[in-house]
Amino acid sequence: MRRLAQAASVLSFPPTLAHELTHWAVARTQTDDAQVAVEVFGGRAIATWPPIENPFVRAFAFLSPTVFGLMLTTLWLTTDTTLSGWRLILAAGLVIYTMPSRADIAGAFGRQEVQQNQ
């Protein structure tokens, strides 16, 4: 079972990394202190940055993968492309990329502890 979990972590890693790099790229427009940490076999990647003052930019930094993922999904659904074969794998990756975590939602609303200690 451990091998299966490791395989799932490795397979979900590319969209997870893309998700966190999107956070990082948007946060980097506001601060030079944005960072990304990556753990391949744990299947984790995380982007961190200091609190962003502007509430709109902060919300966009936390929800940017969701916004971009929904734009890509909308573009994909407006074409006549079917979900078969390798496209099904890409669709699963797009879902992983697009889904916001609890921390993403809390951060967008300024409810993370680091944001409240300013």
PDB file of N, CA and C in Angstrom:
ATOM      1  N   MET A   1       0.812  -1.186   0.000  1.00  0.00           N
ATOM      2  CA  MET A   1       0.000   0.000   0.000  1.00  0.00           C
ATOM      3  C   MET A   1       0.861   1.257   0.000  1.00  0.00           C
ATOM      4  N   ARG A   2       2.010   1.192   0.657  1.00  0.00           N
ATOM      5  CA  ARG A   2       2.910   2.345   0.704  1.00  0.00           C
ATOM      6  C   ARG A   2       3.412   2.707  -0.691  1.00  0.00           C
ATOM      7  N   ARG A   3       3.711   1.697  -1.500  1.00  0.00           N
ATOM      8  CA  ARG A   3       4.170   1.935  -2.874  1.00  0.00           C
ATOM      9  C   ARG A   3       3.089   2.619  -3.710  1.00  0.00           C
ATOM     10  N   LEU A   4       1.843   2.231  -3.494  1.00  0.00           N
ATOM     11  CA  LEU A   4       0.729   2.838  -4.211  1.00  0.00           C
ATOM     12  C   LEU A   4       0.592   4.314  -3.831  1.00  0.00           C
ATOM     13  N   ALA A   5       0.740   4.603  -2.554  1.00  0.00           N
ATOM     14  CA  ALA A   5       0.673   5.996  -2.087  1.00  0.00           C
ATOM     15  C   ALA A   5       1.823   6.812  -2.664  1.00  0.00           C
ATOM     16  N   GLN A   6       3.014   6.235  -2.722  1.00  0.00           N
ATOM     17  CA  GLN A   6       4.157   6.932  -3.307  1.00  0.00           C
ATOM     18  C   GLN A   6       3.938   7.176  -4.797  1.00  0.00           C
ATOM     19  N   ALA A   7       3.389   6.194  -5.496  1.00  0.00           N
ATOM     20  CA  ALA A   7       3.117   6.360  -6.929  1.00  0.00           C
ATOM     21  C   ALA A   7       2.090   7.460  -7.154  1.00  0.00           C
ATOM     22  N   ALA A   8       1.054   7.503  -6.324  1.00  0.00           N
ATOM     23  CA  ALA A   8       0.048   8.555  -6.441  1.00  0.00           C
ATOM     24  C   ALA A   8       0.663   9.920  -6.176  1.00  0.00           C
ATOM     25  N   SER A   9       1.560  10.002  -5.200  1.00  0.00           N
ATOM     26  CA  SER A   9       2.235  11.259  -4.897  1.00  0.00           C
ATOM     27  C   SER A   9       3.082  11.731  -6.068  1.00  0.00           C
ATOM     28  N   VAL A  10       3.827  10.816  -6.660  1.00  0.00           N
ATOM     29  CA  VAL A  10       4.686  11.177  -7.789  1.00  0.00           C
ATOM     30  C   VAL A  10       3.840  11.593  -8.997  1.00  0.00           C
ATOM     31  N   LEU A  11       2.737  10.883  -9.256  1.00  0.00           N
ATOM     32  CA  LEU A  11       1.888  11.214 -10.403  1.00  0.00           C
ATOM     33  C   LEU A  11       1.132  12.534 -10.214  1.00  0.00           C
ATOM     34  N   SER A  12       0.789  12.863  -8.975  1.00  0.00           N
ATOM     35  CA  SER A  12       0.082  14.118  -8.732  1.00  0.00           C
ATOM     36  C   SER A  12       1.043  15.293  -8.566  1.00  0.00           C
ATOM     37  N   PHE A  13       2.332  15.009  -8.555  1.00  0.00           N
ATOM     38  CA  PHE A  13       3.316  16.055  -8.323  1.00  0.00           C
ATOM     39  C   PHE A  13       3.342  17.150  -9.400  1.00  0.00           C
ATOM     40  N   PRO A  14       3.328  16.818 -10.705  1.00  0.00           N
ATOM     41  CA  PRO A  14       3.391  17.895 -11.707  1.00  0.00           C
ATOM     42  C   PRO A  14       2.269  18.932 -11.587  1.00  0.00           C
ATOM     43  N   PRO A  15       0.984  18.524 -11.470  1.00  0.00           N
ATOM     44  CA  PRO A  15      -0.034  19.570 -11.320  1.00  0.00           C
ATOM     45  C   PRO A  15       0.052  20.293  -9.977  1.00  0.00           C
ATOM     46  N   THR A  16       0.498  19.596  -8.938  1.00  0.00           N
ATOM     47  CA  THR A  16       0.658  20.238  -7.631  1.00  0.00           C
ATOM     48  C   THR A  16       1.762  21.289  -7.691  1.00  0.00           C
ATOM     49  N   LEU A  17       2.855  20.951  -8.325  1.00  0.00           N
ATOM     50  CA  LEU A  17       3.957  21.912  -8.481  1.00  0.00           C
ATOM     51  C   LEU A  17       3.513  23.105  -9.324  1.00  0.00           C
ATOM     52  N   ALA A  18       2.790  22.850 -10.409  1.00  0.00           N
ATOM     53  CA  ALA A  18       2.285  23.948 -11.243  1.00  0.00           C
ATOM     54  C   ALA A  18       1.351  24.853 -10.438  1.00  0.00           C
ATOM     55  N   HIS A  19       0.516  24.264  -9.590  1.00  0.00           N
ATOM     56  CA  HIS A  19      -0.402  25.011  -8.734  1.00  0.00           C
ATOM     57  C   HIS A  19       0.387  25.956  -7.815  1.00  0.00           C
ATOM     58  N   GLU A  20       1.395  25.423  -7.141  1.00  0.00           N
ATOM     59  CA  GLU A  20       2.182  26.230  -6.208  1.00  0.00           C
ATOM     60  C   GLU A  20       3.042  27.261  -6.936  1.00  0.00           C
ATOM     61  N   LEU A  21       3.556  26.926  -8.101  1.00  0.00           N
ATOM     62  CA  LEU A  21       4.337  27.898  -8.877  1.00  0.00           C
ATOM     63  C   LEU A  21       3.464  29.057  -9.358  1.00  0.00           C
ATOM     64  N   THR A  22       2.194  28.803  -9.605  1.00  0.00           N
ATOM     65  CA  THR A  22       1.271  29.880  -9.970  1.00  0.00           C
ATOM     66  C   THR A  22       1.083  30.825  -8.795  1.00  0.00           C
ATOM     67  N   HIS A  23       0.880  30.260  -7.587  1.00  0.00           N
ATOM     68  CA  HIS A  23       0.809  31.094  -6.388  1.00  0.00           C
ATOM     69  C   HIS A  23       2.067  31.958  -6.276  1.00  0.00           C
ATOM     70  N   TRP A  24       3.214  31.311  -6.405  1.00  0.00           N
ATOM     71  CA  TRP A  24       4.499  31.982  -6.253  1.00  0.00           C
ATOM     72  C   TRP A  24       4.651  33.115  -7.258  1.00  0.00           C
ATOM     73  N   ALA A  25       4.304  32.856  -8.520  1.00  0.00           N
ATOM     74  CA  ALA A  25       4.470  33.870  -9.565  1.00  0.00           C
ATOM     75  C   ALA A  25       3.612  35.102  -9.303  1.00  0.00           C
ATOM     76  N   VAL A  26       2.394  34.902  -8.846  1.00  0.00           N
ATOM     77  CA  VAL A  26       1.517  36.038  -8.561  1.00  0.00           C
ATOM     78  C   VAL A  26       1.996  36.775  -7.307  1.00  0.00           C
ATOM     79  N   ALA A  27       2.359  36.046  -6.265  1.00  0.00           N
ATOM     80  CA  ALA A  27       2.848  36.686  -5.038  1.00  0.00           C
ATOM     81  C   ALA A  27       4.160  37.418  -5.294  1.00  0.00           C
ATOM     82  N   ARG A  28       4.936  36.911  -6.200  1.00  0.00           N
ATOM     83  CA  ARG A  28       6.240  37.521  -6.523  1.00  0.00           C
ATOM     84  C   ARG A  28       6.072  38.916  -7.133  1.00  0.00           C
ATOM     85  N   THR A  29       4.914  39.197  -7.701  1.00  0.00           N
ATOM     86  CA  THR A  29       4.684  40.544  -8.247  1.00  0.00           C
ATOM     87  C   THR A  29       4.579  41.577  -7.130  1.00  0.00           C
ATOM     88  N   GLN A  30       4.303  41.139  -5.893  1.00  0.00           N
ATOM     89  CA  GLN A  30       4.135  42.048  -4.764  1.00  0.00           C
ATOM     90  C   GLN A  30       5.300  42.023  -3.780  1.00  0.00           C
ATOM     91  N   THR A  31       6.042  40.933  -3.736  1.00  0.00           N
ATOM     92  CA  THR A  31       7.126  40.813  -2.769  1.00  0.00           C
ATOM     93  C   THR A  31       8.250  39.962  -3.345  1.00  0.00           C
ATOM     94  N   ASP A  32       9.479  40.314  -2.987  1.00  0.00           N
ATOM     95  CA  ASP A  32      10.629  39.513  -3.420  1.00  0.00           C
ATOM     96  C   ASP A  32      10.884  38.339  -2.480  1.00  0.00           C
ATOM     97  N   ASP A  33      10.107  38.242  -1.407  1.00  0.00           N
ATOM     98  CA  ASP A  33      10.312  37.197  -0.406  1.00  0.00           C
ATOM     99  C   ASP A  33       9.477  35.943  -0.650  1.00  0.00           C
ATOM    100  N   ALA A  34       8.799  35.841  -1.774  1.00  0.00           N
ATOM    101  CA  ALA A  34       8.007  34.644  -2.080  1.00  0.00           C
ATOM    102  C   ALA A  34       8.946  33.468  -2.316  1.00  0.00           C
ATOM    103  N   GLN A  35       8.576  32.291  -1.782  1.00  0.00           N
ATOM    104  CA  GLN A  35       9.405  31.097  -1.893  1.00  0.00           C
ATOM    105  C   GLN A  35       8.554  29.884  -2.236  1.00  0.00           C
ATOM    106  N   VAL A  36       9.205  28.870  -2.833  1.00  0.00           N
ATOM    107  CA  VAL A  36       8.542  27.600  -3.125  1.00  0.00           C
ATOM    108  C   VAL A  36       9.391  26.487  -2.535  1.00  0.00           C
ATOM    109  N   ALA A  37       8.751  25.551  -1.825  1.00  0.00           N
ATOM    110  CA  ALA A  37       9.427  24.367  -1.292  1.00  0.00           C
ATOM    111  C   ALA A  37       8.798  23.139  -1.934  1.00  0.00           C
ATOM    112  N   VAL A  38       9.634  22.146  -2.267  1.00  0.00           N
ATOM    113  CA  VAL A  38       9.163  20.972  -2.999  1.00  0.00           C
ATOM    114  C   VAL A  38       9.627  19.698  -2.293  1.00  0.00           C
ATOM    115  N   GLU A  39       8.712  18.735  -2.156  1.00  0.00           N
ATOM    116  CA  GLU A  39       9.011  17.420  -1.601  1.00  0.00           C
ATOM    117  C   GLU A  39       8.423  16.383  -2.565  1.00  0.00           C
ATOM    118  N   VAL A  40       9.250  15.761  -3.363  1.00  0.00           N
ATOM    119  CA  VAL A  40       8.773  14.900  -4.438  1.00  0.00           C
ATOM    120  C   VAL A  40       8.058  13.651  -3.912  1.00  0.00           C
ATOM    121  N   PHE A  41       8.676  12.883  -3.046  1.00  0.00           N
ATOM    122  CA  PHE A  41       8.076  11.619  -2.619  1.00  0.00           C
ATOM    123  C   PHE A  41       6.970  11.806  -1.595  1.00  0.00           C
ATOM    124  N   GLY A  42       6.887  12.973  -0.998  1.00  0.00           N
ATOM    125  CA  GLY A  42       5.768  13.262  -0.120  1.00  0.00           C
ATOM    126  C   GLY A  42       4.606  13.831  -0.903  1.00  0.00           C
ATOM    127  N   GLY A  43       4.851  14.131  -2.179  1.00  0.00           N
ATOM    128  CA  GLY A  43       3.798  14.671  -3.032  1.00  0.00           C
ATOM    129  C   GLY A  43       3.389  16.073  -2.649  1.00  0.00           C
ATOM    130  N   ARG A  44       4.305  16.816  -2.027  1.00  0.00           N
ATOM    131  CA  ARG A  44       3.958  18.150  -1.545  1.00  0.00           C
ATOM    132  C   ARG A  44       4.821  19.215  -2.199  1.00  0.00           C
ATOM    133  N   ALA A  45       4.202  20.318  -2.420  1.00  0.00           N
ATOM    134  CA  ALA A  45       4.899  21.540  -2.814  1.00  0.00           C
ATOM    135  C   ALA A  45       4.154  22.660  -2.107  1.00  0.00           C
ATOM    136  N   ILE A  46       4.864  23.681  -1.685  1.00  0.00           N
ATOM    137  CA  ILE A  46       4.223  24.771  -0.967  1.00  0.00           C
ATOM    138  C   ILE A  46       4.881  26.087  -1.351  1.00  0.00           C
ATOM    139  N   ALA A  47       4.061  27.092  -1.534  1.00  0.00           N
ATOM    140  CA  ALA A  47       4.545  28.442  -1.794  1.00  0.00           C
ATOM    141  C   ALA A  47       4.264  29.282  -0.559  1.00  0.00           C
ATOM    142  N   THR A  48       5.233  30.082  -0.159  1.00  0.00           N
ATOM    143  CA  THR A  48       5.050  30.958   1.001  1.00  0.00           C
ATOM    144  C   THR A  48       5.491  32.362   0.644  1.00  0.00           C
ATOM    145  N   TRP A  49       4.858  33.329   1.282  1.00  0.00           N
ATOM    146  CA  TRP A  49       5.230  34.725   1.113  1.00  0.00           C
ATOM    147  C   TRP A  49       4.731  35.511   2.307  1.00  0.00           C
ATOM    148  N   PRO A  50       5.328  36.675   2.550  1.00  0.00           N
ATOM    149  CA  PRO A  50       4.842  37.495   3.656  1.00  0.00           C
ATOM    150  C   PRO A  50       3.456  38.050   3.342  1.00  0.00           C
ATOM    151  N   PRO A  51       2.729  38.529   4.352  1.00  0.00           N
ATOM    152  CA  PRO A  51       1.381  39.054   4.117  1.00  0.00           C
ATOM    153  C   PRO A  51       1.358  40.153   3.047  1.00  0.00           C
ATOM    154  N   ILE A  52       0.340  40.130   2.219  1.00  0.00           N
ATOM    155  CA  ILE A  52       0.141  41.141   1.172  1.00  0.00           C
ATOM    156  C   ILE A  52      -0.958  42.082   1.648  1.00  0.00           C
ATOM    157  N   GLU A  53      -0.666  43.365   1.637  1.00  0.00           N
ATOM    158  CA  GLU A  53      -1.586  44.378   2.172  1.00  0.00           C
ATOM    159  C   GLU A  53      -2.876  44.504   1.355  1.00  0.00           C
ATOM    160  N   ASN A  54      -2.754  44.587   0.047  1.00  0.00           N
ATOM    161  CA  ASN A  54      -3.902  44.803  -0.824  1.00  0.00           C
ATOM    162  C   ASN A  54      -4.806  43.563  -0.816  1.00  0.00           C
ATOM    163  N   PRO A  55      -6.065  43.683  -0.359  1.00  0.00           N
ATOM    164  CA  PRO A  55      -6.929  42.500  -0.263  1.00  0.00           C
ATOM    165  C   PRO A  55      -7.234  41.853  -1.608  1.00  0.00           C
ATOM    166  N   PHE A  56      -7.347  42.646  -2.676  1.00  0.00           N
ATOM    167  CA  PHE A  56      -7.622  42.070  -3.997  1.00  0.00           C
ATOM    168  C   PHE A  56      -6.433  41.253  -4.484  1.00  0.00           C
ATOM    169  N   VAL A  57      -5.245  41.805  -4.358  1.00  0.00           N
ATOM    170  CA  VAL A  57      -4.035  41.099  -4.806  1.00  0.00           C
ATOM    171  C   VAL A  57      -3.802  39.863  -3.942  1.00  0.00           C
ATOM    172  N   ARG A  58      -4.049  39.975  -2.628  1.00  0.00           N
ATOM    173  CA  ARG A  58      -3.889  38.831  -1.729  1.00  0.00           C
ATOM    174  C   ARG A  58      -4.838  37.703  -2.140  1.00  0.00           C
ATOM    175  N   ALA A  59      -6.103  38.044  -2.389  1.00  0.00           N
ATOM    176  CA  ALA A  59      -7.077  37.027  -2.794  1.00  0.00           C
ATOM    177  C   ALA A  59      -6.677  36.399  -4.124  1.00  0.00           C
ATOM    178  N   PHE A  60      -6.196  37.228  -5.055  1.00  0.00           N
ATOM    179  CA  PHE A  60      -5.783  36.687  -6.355  1.00  0.00           C
ATOM    180  C   PHE A  60      -4.551  35.804  -6.215  1.00  0.00           C
ATOM    181  N   ALA A  61      -3.621  36.168  -5.332  1.00  0.00           N
ATOM    182  CA  ALA A  61      -2.428  35.337  -5.127  1.00  0.00           C
ATOM    183  C   ALA A  61      -2.820  33.957  -4.605  1.00  0.00           C
ATOM    184  N   PHE A  62      -3.778  33.913  -3.707  1.00  0.00           N
ATOM    185  CA  PHE A  62      -4.205  32.626  -3.145  1.00  0.00           C
ATOM    186  C   PHE A  62      -5.109  31.835  -4.092  1.00  0.00           C
ATOM    187  N   LEU A  63      -5.881  32.515  -4.918  1.00  0.00           N
ATOM    188  CA  LEU A  63      -6.834  31.822  -5.793  1.00  0.00           C
ATOM    189  C   LEU A  63      -6.427  31.818  -7.265  1.00  0.00           C
ATOM    190  N   SER A  64      -5.220  32.274  -7.590  1.00  0.00           N
ATOM    191  CA  SER A  64      -4.791  32.341  -8.996  1.00  0.00           C
ATOM    192  C   SER A  64      -4.814  30.988  -9.715  1.00  0.00           C
ATOM    193  N   PRO A  65      -4.383  29.860  -9.099  1.00  0.00           N
ATOM    194  CA  PRO A  65      -4.501  28.585  -9.820  1.00  0.00           C
ATOM    195  C   PRO A  65      -5.957  28.223 -10.119  1.00  0.00           C
ATOM    196  N   THR A  66      -6.858  28.565  -9.207  1.00  0.00           N
ATOM    197  CA  THR A  66      -8.275  28.291  -9.422  1.00  0.00           C
ATOM    198  C   THR A  66      -8.805  29.125 -10.578  1.00  0.00           C
ATOM    199  N   VAL A  67      -8.433  30.390 -10.614  1.00  0.00           N
ATOM    200  CA  VAL A  67      -8.878  31.279 -11.700  1.00  0.00           C
ATOM    201  C   VAL A  67      -8.328  30.798 -13.038  1.00  0.00           C
ATOM    202  N   PHE A  68      -7.018  30.546 -13.098  1.00  0.00           N
ATOM    203  CA  PHE A  68      -6.424  30.090 -14.357  1.00  0.00           C
ATOM    204  C   PHE A  68      -6.945  28.712 -14.761  1.00  0.00           C
ATOM    205  N   GLY A  69      -7.125  27.824 -13.785  1.00  0.00           N
ATOM    206  CA  GLY A  69      -7.656  26.493 -14.075  1.00  0.00           C
ATOM    207  C   GLY A  69      -9.070  26.548 -14.616  1.00  0.00           C
ATOM    208  N   LEU A  70      -9.898  27.426 -14.053  1.00  0.00           N
ATOM    209  CA  LEU A  70     -11.266  27.579 -14.567  1.00  0.00           C
ATOM    210  C   LEU A  70     -11.271  28.169 -15.967  1.00  0.00           C
ATOM    211  N   MET A  71     -10.331  29.080 -16.239  1.00  0.00           N
ATOM    212  CA  MET A  71     -10.224  29.623 -17.596  1.00  0.00           C
ATOM    213  C   MET A  71      -9.834  28.527 -18.587  1.00  0.00           C
ATOM    214  N   LEU A  72      -8.871  27.681 -18.209  1.00  0.00           N
ATOM    215  CA  LEU A  72      -8.466  26.575 -19.085  1.00  0.00           C
ATOM    216  C   LEU A  72      -9.593  25.565 -19.262  1.00  0.00           C
ATOM    217  N   THR A  73     -10.318  25.284 -18.190  1.00  0.00           N
ATOM    218  CA  THR A  73     -11.447  24.355 -18.265  1.00  0.00           C
ATOM    219  C   THR A  73     -12.528  24.900 -19.182  1.00  0.00           C
ATOM    220  N   THR A  74     -12.831  26.183 -19.043  1.00  0.00           N
ATOM    221  CA  THR A  74     -13.837  26.811 -19.913  1.00  0.00           C
ATOM    222  C   THR A  74     -13.407  26.750 -21.371  1.00  0.00           C
ATOM    223  N   LEU A  75     -12.144  27.041 -21.619  1.00  0.00           N
ATOM    224  CA  LEU A  75     -11.622  26.961 -22.987  1.00  0.00           C
ATOM    225  C   LEU A  75     -11.740  25.546 -23.532  1.00  0.00           C
ATOM    226  N   TRP A  76     -11.404  24.566 -22.704  1.00  0.00           N
ATOM    227  CA  TRP A  76     -11.467  23.173 -23.118  1.00  0.00           C
ATOM    228  C   TRP A  76     -12.907  22.751 -23.391  1.00  0.00           C
ATOM    229  N   LEU A  77     -13.839  23.164 -22.526  1.00  0.00           N
ATOM    230  CA  LEU A  77     -15.240  22.767 -22.698  1.00  0.00           C
ATOM    231  C   LEU A  77     -15.907  23.437 -23.890  1.00  0.00           C
ATOM    232  N   THR A  78     -15.404  24.585 -24.328  1.00  0.00           N
ATOM    233  CA  THR A  78     -15.997  25.260 -25.485  1.00  0.00           C
ATOM    234  C   THR A  78     -15.551  24.649 -26.812  1.00  0.00           C
ATOM    235  N   THR A  79     -14.560  23.789 -26.769  1.00  0.00           N
ATOM    236  CA  THR A  79     -14.137  23.090 -27.983  1.00  0.00           C
ATOM    237  C   THR A  79     -14.862  21.747 -28.057  1.00  0.00           C
ATOM    238  N   ASP A  80     -14.737  21.079 -29.157  1.00  0.00           N
ATOM    239  CA  ASP A  80     -15.401  19.780 -29.337  1.00  0.00           C
ATOM    240  C   ASP A  80     -14.475  18.618 -28.994  1.00  0.00           C
ATOM    241  N   THR A  81     -13.638  18.794 -27.986  1.00  0.00           N
ATOM    242  CA  THR A  81     -12.677  17.776 -27.587  1.00  0.00           C
ATOM    243  C   THR A  81     -13.328  16.779 -26.640  1.00  0.00           C
ATOM    244  N   THR A  82     -13.098  15.505 -26.897  1.00  0.00           N
ATOM    245  CA  THR A  82     -13.645  14.458 -26.026  1.00  0.00           C
ATOM    246  C   THR A  82     -12.629  14.106 -24.943  1.00  0.00           C
ATOM    247  N   LEU A  83     -13.114  13.552 -23.841  1.00  0.00           N
ATOM    248  CA  LEU A  83     -12.234  13.118 -22.759  1.00  0.00           C
ATOM    249  C   LEU A  83     -11.966  11.626 -22.891  1.00  0.00           C
ATOM    250  N   SER A  84     -10.978  11.289 -23.686  1.00  0.00           N
ATOM    251  CA  SER A  84     -10.619   9.887 -23.842  1.00  0.00           C
ATOM    252  C   SER A  84      -9.100   9.781 -23.924  1.00  0.00           C
ATOM    253  N   GLY A  85      -8.597   8.649 -23.492  1.00  0.00           N
ATOM    254  CA  GLY A  85      -7.169   8.394 -23.570  1.00  0.00           C
ATOM    255  C   GLY A  85      -6.351   9.366 -22.738  1.00  0.00           C
ATOM    256  N   TRP A  86      -5.327   9.923 -23.359  1.00  0.00           N
ATOM    257  CA  TRP A  86      -4.416  10.810 -22.634  1.00  0.00           C
ATOM    258  C   TRP A  86      -5.104  12.104 -22.210  1.00  0.00           C
ATOM    259  N   ARG A  87      -6.176  12.499 -22.884  1.00  0.00           N
ATOM    260  CA  ARG A  87      -6.907  13.706 -22.488  1.00  0.00           C
ATOM    261  C   ARG A  87      -7.572  13.539 -21.127  1.00  0.00           C
ATOM    262  N   LEU A  88      -7.951  12.318 -20.806  1.00  0.00           N
ATOM    263  CA  LEU A  88      -8.527  12.038 -19.489  1.00  0.00           C
ATOM    264  C   LEU A  88      -7.477  12.246 -18.392  1.00  0.00           C
ATOM    265  N   ILE A  89      -6.250  11.862 -18.668  1.00  0.00           N
ATOM    266  CA  ILE A  89      -5.153  12.076 -17.719  1.00  0.00           C
ATOM    267  C   ILE A  89      -4.900  13.578 -17.555  1.00  0.00           C
ATOM    268  N   LEU A  90      -4.918  14.313 -18.662  1.00  0.00           N
ATOM    269  CA  LEU A  90      -4.743  15.763 -18.589  1.00  0.00           C
ATOM    270  C   LEU A  90      -5.885  16.422 -17.828  1.00  0.00           C
ATOM    271  N   ALA A  91      -7.091  15.926 -17.997  1.00  0.00           N
ATOM    272  CA  ALA A  91      -8.244  16.477 -17.276  1.00  0.00           C
ATOM    273  C   ALA A  91      -8.091  16.255 -15.771  1.00  0.00           C
ATOM    274  N   ALA A  92      -7.602  15.082 -15.380  1.00  0.00           N
ATOM    275  CA  ALA A  92      -7.368  14.823 -13.952  1.00  0.00           C
ATOM    276  C   ALA A  92      -6.305  15.775 -13.412  1.00  0.00           C
ATOM    277  N   GLY A  93      -5.260  16.013 -14.172  1.00  0.00           N
ATOM    278  CA  GLY A  93      -4.228  16.967 -13.770  1.00  0.00           C
ATOM    279  C   GLY A  93      -4.770  18.376 -13.664  1.00  0.00           C
ATOM    280  N   LEU A  94      -5.655  18.743 -14.569  1.00  0.00           N
ATOM    281  CA  LEU A  94      -6.264  20.076 -14.527  1.00  0.00           C
ATOM    282  C   LEU A  94      -7.144  20.240 -13.290  1.00  0.00           C
ATOM    283  N   VAL A  95      -7.836  19.178 -12.903  1.00  0.00           N
ATOM    284  CA  VAL A  95      -8.650  19.225 -11.685  1.00  0.00           C
ATOM    285  C   VAL A  95      -7.755  19.405 -10.461  1.00  0.00           C
ATOM    286  N   ILE A  96      -6.660  18.664 -10.391  1.00  0.00           N
ATOM    287  CA  ILE A  96      -5.721  18.792  -9.267  1.00  0.00           C
ATOM    288  C   ILE A  96      -5.155  20.204  -9.228  1.00  0.00           C
ATOM    289  N   TYR A  97      -4.795  20.740 -10.387  1.00  0.00           N
ATOM    290  CA  TYR A  97      -4.242  22.098 -10.474  1.00  0.00           C
ATOM    291  C   TYR A  97      -5.255  23.148 -10.015  1.00  0.00           C
ATOM    292  N   THR A  98      -6.505  22.988 -10.394  1.00  0.00           N
ATOM    293  CA  THR A  98      -7.529  24.011 -10.182  1.00  0.00           C
ATOM    294  C   THR A  98      -8.076  24.041  -8.758  1.00  0.00           C
ATOM    295  N   MET A  99      -8.183  22.909  -8.096  1.00  0.00           N
ATOM    296  CA  MET A  99      -8.835  22.846  -6.781  1.00  0.00           C
ATOM    297  C   MET A  99      -8.087  23.658  -5.730  1.00  0.00           C
ATOM    298  N   PRO A 100      -8.773  24.612  -5.082  1.00  0.00           N
ATOM    299  CA  PRO A 100      -8.119  25.353  -3.999  1.00  0.00           C
ATOM    300  C   PRO A 100      -8.116  24.521  -2.714  1.00  0.00           C
ATOM    301  N   SER A 101      -7.069  24.663  -1.940  1.00  0.00           N
ATOM    302  CA  SER A 101      -7.014  23.980  -0.643  1.00  0.00           C
ATOM    303  C   SER A 101      -7.704  24.845   0.405  1.00  0.00           C
ATOM    304  N   ARG A 102      -7.864  24.294   1.587  1.00  0.00           N
ATOM    305  CA  ARG A 102      -8.434  25.079   2.690  1.00  0.00           C
ATOM    306  C   ARG A 102      -7.558  26.286   2.984  1.00  0.00           C
ATOM    307  N   ALA A 103      -6.239  26.084   2.921  1.00  0.00           N
ATOM    308  CA  ALA A 103      -5.304  27.192   3.175  1.00  0.00           C
ATOM    309  C   ALA A 103      -5.438  28.272   2.106  1.00  0.00           C
ATOM    310  N   ASP A 104      -5.699  27.880   0.853  1.00  0.00           N
ATOM    311  CA  ASP A 104      -5.900  28.859  -0.218  1.00  0.00           C
ATOM    312  C   ASP A 104      -7.124  29.727   0.074  1.00  0.00           C
ATOM    313  N   ILE A 105      -8.193  29.103   0.474  1.00  0.00           N
ATOM    314  CA  ILE A 105      -9.435  29.838   0.745  1.00  0.00           C
ATOM    315  C   ILE A 105      -9.273  30.725   1.979  1.00  0.00           C
ATOM    316  N   ALA A 106      -8.686  30.179   3.037  1.00  0.00           N
ATOM    317  CA  ALA A 106      -8.459  30.978   4.250  1.00  0.00           C
ATOM    318  C   ALA A 106      -7.538  32.157   3.953  1.00  0.00           C
ATOM    319  N   GLY A 107      -6.498  31.920   3.180  1.00  0.00           N
ATOM    320  CA  GLY A 107      -5.573  32.999   2.830  1.00  0.00           C
ATOM    321  C   GLY A 107      -6.225  34.077   1.990  1.00  0.00           C
ATOM    322  N   ALA A 108      -7.092  33.687   1.087  1.00  0.00           N
ATOM    323  CA  ALA A 108      -7.779  34.661   0.232  1.00  0.00           C
ATOM    324  C   ALA A 108      -8.633  35.609   1.056  1.00  0.00           C
ATOM    325  N   PHE A 109      -9.190  35.110   2.156  1.00  0.00           N
ATOM    326  CA  PHE A 109     -10.019  35.939   3.025  1.00  0.00           C
ATOM    327  C   PHE A 109      -9.229  36.579   4.159  1.00  0.00           C
ATOM    328  N   GLY A 110      -7.903  36.386   4.172  1.00  0.00           N
ATOM    329  CA  GLY A 110      -7.067  36.990   5.207  1.00  0.00           C
ATOM    330  C   GLY A 110      -7.219  36.355   6.562  1.00  0.00           C
ATOM    331  N   ARG A 111      -7.557  35.081   6.602  1.00  0.00           N
ATOM    332  CA  ARG A 111      -7.828  34.395   7.868  1.00  0.00           C
ATOM    333  C   ARG A 111      -6.696  33.492   8.337  1.00  0.00           C
ATOM    334  N   GLN A 112      -5.513  33.630   7.738  1.00  0.00           N
ATOM    335  CA  GLN A 112      -4.384  32.845   8.212  1.00  0.00           C
ATOM    336  C   GLN A 112      -3.709  33.576   9.354  1.00  0.00           C
ATOM    337  N   GLU A 113      -3.168  32.831  10.290  1.00  0.00           N
ATOM    338  CA  GLU A 113      -2.564  33.415  11.488  1.00  0.00           C
ATOM    339  C   GLU A 113      -1.487  34.438  11.152  1.00  0.00           C
ATOM    340  N   VAL A 114      -0.636  34.130  10.180  1.00  0.00           N
ATOM    341  CA  VAL A 114       0.437  35.043   9.815  1.00  0.00           C
ATOM    342  C   VAL A 114      -0.101  36.381   9.297  1.00  0.00           C
ATOM    343  N   GLN A 115      -1.270  36.369   8.677  1.00  0.00           N
ATOM    344  CA  GLN A 115      -1.859  37.602   8.159  1.00  0.00           C
ATOM    345  C   GLN A 115      -2.498  38.419   9.266  1.00  0.00           C
ATOM    346  N   GLN A 116      -2.924  37.776  10.319  1.00  0.00           N
ATOM    347  CA  GLN A 116      -3.617  38.491  11.388  1.00  0.00           C
ATOM    348  C   GLN A 116      -2.649  39.055  12.424  1.00  0.00           C
ATOM    349  N   ASN A 117      -1.378  38.657  12.380  1.00  0.00           N
ATOM    350  CA  ASN A 117      -0.392  39.145  13.332  1.00  0.00           C
ATOM    351  C   ASN A 117       0.356  40.369  12.848  1.00  0.00           C
ATOM    352  N   GLN A 118      -0.154  41.053  11.858  1.00  0.00           N
ATOM    353  CA  GLN A 118       0.521  42.230  11.333  1.00  0.00           C
ATOM    354  C   GLN A 118       0.365  43.383  12.280  1.00  0.00           C
TER     355      GLN A 118
END
